[in-house]
Protein backbone atom coordinates (compact mmCIF):
# COMPACT_ATOMS: atom_id res chain seq x y z
CA MET A 1 10.99 0.70 15.26
CA THR A 2 12.09 -2.52 16.88
CA ASN A 3 10.93 -6.12 17.17
CA ILE A 4 9.46 -6.50 13.70
CA ASP A 5 9.25 -10.21 12.98
CA ASP A 6 9.33 -12.25 9.83
CA ALA A 7 5.82 -12.51 8.44
CA SER A 8 4.04 -15.60 9.72
CA TYR A 9 1.75 -15.77 6.71
CA THR A 10 2.12 -14.57 3.14
CA LYS A 11 0.12 -15.13 -0.01
CA GLU A 12 0.50 -14.78 -3.76
CA VAL A 13 -1.72 -12.17 -5.44
CA SER A 14 -2.21 -10.68 -8.88
CA PRO A 15 -1.18 -7.05 -8.51
CA GLY A 16 -3.74 -4.40 -9.43
CA GLY A 17 -1.10 -1.70 -9.67
CA GLY A 18 1.87 -0.27 -7.89
CA GLY A 19 5.04 1.65 -8.50
CA GLY A 20 8.45 2.61 -7.23
CA PRO A 21 11.96 2.27 -8.58
CA LYS A 22 12.09 -1.54 -8.22
CA TYR A 23 8.46 -2.37 -9.09
CA GLU A 24 9.27 -4.12 -12.36
CA GLU A 25 12.19 -6.01 -10.83
CA TYR A 26 10.17 -7.43 -7.93
CA VAL A 27 6.52 -7.35 -9.00
CA PHE A 28 5.52 -6.95 -12.61
CA HIS A 29 6.61 -9.85 -14.79
CA GLY A 30 3.86 -9.64 -17.39
CA TYR A 31 0.13 -10.18 -17.51
CA GLY A 32 -1.07 -12.80 -15.06
CA SER A 33 2.03 -12.58 -12.87
CA LYS A 34 1.75 -13.05 -9.11
CA THR A 35 3.66 -11.45 -6.27
CA LYS A 36 4.15 -12.35 -2.61
CA VAL A 37 2.48 -10.08 -0.05
CA LEU A 38 1.59 -10.22 3.63
CA ALA A 39 -1.56 -12.20 4.33
CA PRO A 40 -3.86 -9.47 5.67
CA SER A 41 -4.57 -9.58 9.39
CA SER A 42 -7.42 -8.09 11.38
CA PRO A 43 -7.02 -4.29 11.54
CA MET A 44 -4.58 -3.06 14.18
CA ASP A 45 -4.45 0.30 15.97
CA PHE A 46 -3.92 3.07 13.42
CA PRO A 47 -4.48 6.81 13.83
CA VAL A 48 -6.19 7.35 10.45
CA GLU A 49 -9.94 6.72 10.44
CA GLY A 50 -11.03 5.12 7.16
CA ILE A 51 -7.73 3.33 6.53
CA ASP A 52 -6.94 0.05 8.28
CA PHE A 53 -3.44 -1.08 9.23
CA THR A 54 -3.45 -4.77 8.28
CA GLY A 55 0.14 -5.92 8.44
CA ILE A 56 3.83 -5.37 9.05
CA GLY A 57 6.62 -7.90 8.81
CA TYR A 58 9.67 -9.11 6.96
CA VAL A 59 9.23 -11.11 3.77
CA ASP A 60 12.35 -12.44 2.04
CA GLY A 61 14.51 -10.03 4.05
CA MET A 62 12.53 -6.89 3.21
CA LEU A 63 10.14 -4.87 5.39
CA HIS A 64 6.51 -5.01 4.19
CA ILE A 65 3.85 -2.63 5.56
CA GLN A 66 0.20 -3.07 4.53
CA THR A 67 -2.98 -0.99 4.75
CA SER A 68 -6.49 -1.59 3.49
CA VAL A 69 -9.64 0.36 2.71
CA VAL A 70 -13.08 -1.23 2.61
CA ASN A 71 -15.32 -0.17 -0.27
CA ASN A 72 -12.83 2.40 -1.61
CA LEU A 73 -14.82 2.83 -4.83
CA THR A 74 -17.12 5.23 -2.93
CA LYS A 75 -14.29 7.28 -1.43
CA ASP A 76 -10.65 8.01 -2.12
CA ASN A 77 -8.80 7.06 1.05
CA HIS A 78 -5.13 6.53 0.33
CA GLY A 79 -1.60 7.33 1.44
CA TYR A 80 1.92 6.06 1.76
CA PHE A 81 4.62 5.27 4.30
CA PHE A 82 8.22 6.39 4.43
CA LEU A 83 11.05 5.96 6.89
CA LYS A 84 13.41 8.51 8.42
CA ASP A 85 16.91 7.61 9.48
CA LYS A 86 18.63 9.04 12.58
CA SER A 87 19.88 12.06 10.58
CA GLY A 88 16.33 12.90 9.45
CA LYS A 89 16.79 11.72 5.86
CA ASN A 90 13.63 10.31 4.24
CA VAL A 91 13.81 6.77 2.87
CA GLN A 92 11.11 5.83 0.36
CA CYS A 93 9.91 2.32 -0.35
CA ILE A 94 11.63 0.48 -3.20
CA TYR A 95 8.21 -0.54 -4.51
CA ASN A 96 4.56 -0.65 -3.57
CA VAL A 97 1.88 -3.00 -4.79
CA SER A 98 -1.90 -2.91 -4.62
CA PHE A 99 -4.42 -5.73 -4.80
CA SER A 100 -8.09 -6.24 -4.00
CA GLU A 101 -10.29 -8.92 -2.48
CA ASN A 102 -14.06 -9.46 -2.70
CA ILE A 103 -14.09 -7.36 -5.87
CA ASP A 104 -17.63 -8.33 -6.84
CA SER A 105 -19.24 -7.52 -3.49
CA ASP A 106 -20.25 -4.49 -1.45
CA ASN A 107 -17.37 -5.32 0.90
CA ARG A 108 -14.59 -4.93 -1.66
CA VAL A 109 -11.26 -4.47 0.13
CA HIS A 110 -8.38 -2.59 -1.50
CA TYR A 111 -4.88 -3.25 -0.11
CA ASP A 112 -1.67 -1.27 -0.51
CA GLU A 113 1.66 -2.77 0.52
CA PHE A 114 4.89 -0.78 0.82
CA VAL A 115 8.25 -2.56 0.71
CA PHE A 116 11.53 -1.23 2.11
CA ASP A 117 14.95 -2.79 1.59
CA ILE A 118 16.08 -2.29 5.19
CA PRO A 119 17.59 -5.31 6.96
CA LYS A 120 15.94 -6.39 10.21
CA SER A 121 19.25 -5.77 12.02
CA GLU A 122 19.12 -2.09 10.95
CA ILE A 123 15.42 -1.26 11.46
CA SER A 124 15.93 0.22 14.94
CA LYS A 125 17.82 3.08 13.25
CA TYR A 126 14.63 4.23 11.49
CA SER A 127 11.28 5.78 12.39
CA LEU A 128 8.06 5.14 10.46
CA TYR A 129 6.07 8.06 9.00
CA GLY A 130 3.13 8.31 6.65
CA THR A 131 1.04 10.74 4.66
CA PHE A 132 -2.64 9.85 4.30
CA VAL A 133 -5.79 11.40 2.87
CA THR A 134 -9.36 10.38 3.62
CA SER A 135 -12.52 11.53 1.93
CA GLY A 136 -16.07 10.63 2.84
CA MET A 137 -17.41 12.85 0.09
CA TYR A 138 -18.98 11.00 -2.78
CA THR A 139 -21.04 12.98 -5.26
CA LYS A 140 -23.38 11.17 -7.58
CA GLY A 141 -25.17 12.85 -10.45
CA ASN A 142 -25.75 13.22 -14.14
CA TRP A 143 -22.54 15.06 -15.02
CA GLN A 144 -21.39 16.30 -18.38
CA VAL A 145 -18.13 18.05 -19.26
CA THR A 146 -17.42 19.91 -22.49
CA PHE A 147 -14.06 21.29 -23.52
CA ARG A 148 -12.35 22.46 -26.68
CA LEU A 149 -9.36 20.64 -28.17
CA GLU A 150 -6.98 22.67 -30.23
CA GLU A 151 -4.88 21.10 -32.93
CA LYS A 152 -1.26 22.24 -33.07
């Protein structure tokens, strides 16, 4: 990976979830907190149908990579990115954050953003990988589940 620029546009969002070893340090500061993310762009070329690649760039010295899924409540498209260094060692993101837009419409958009603490001067030493799952199967019905709980 080379030539990744500083993000031209960012925005503050209320996170809808996330994780990673530094999530609480960088993202979650209590109810109502906001965090800085990439401002989503129009979808770019991405090899996974059903998941849009909506941003990559440096924000405050850290690499941010963003995907989105439109109307994800009717499917379960998701995944994550990781980097590999020249020796083949996997490097996970230090945190990821999710947020949504248009939540009260049929065009709800769910975003996931993955953040890596890799300086821009070092990024050419890494390759980008990802693991993604898509599902177009949505089953609707009158379901009921019964199970026994045992007290111990």
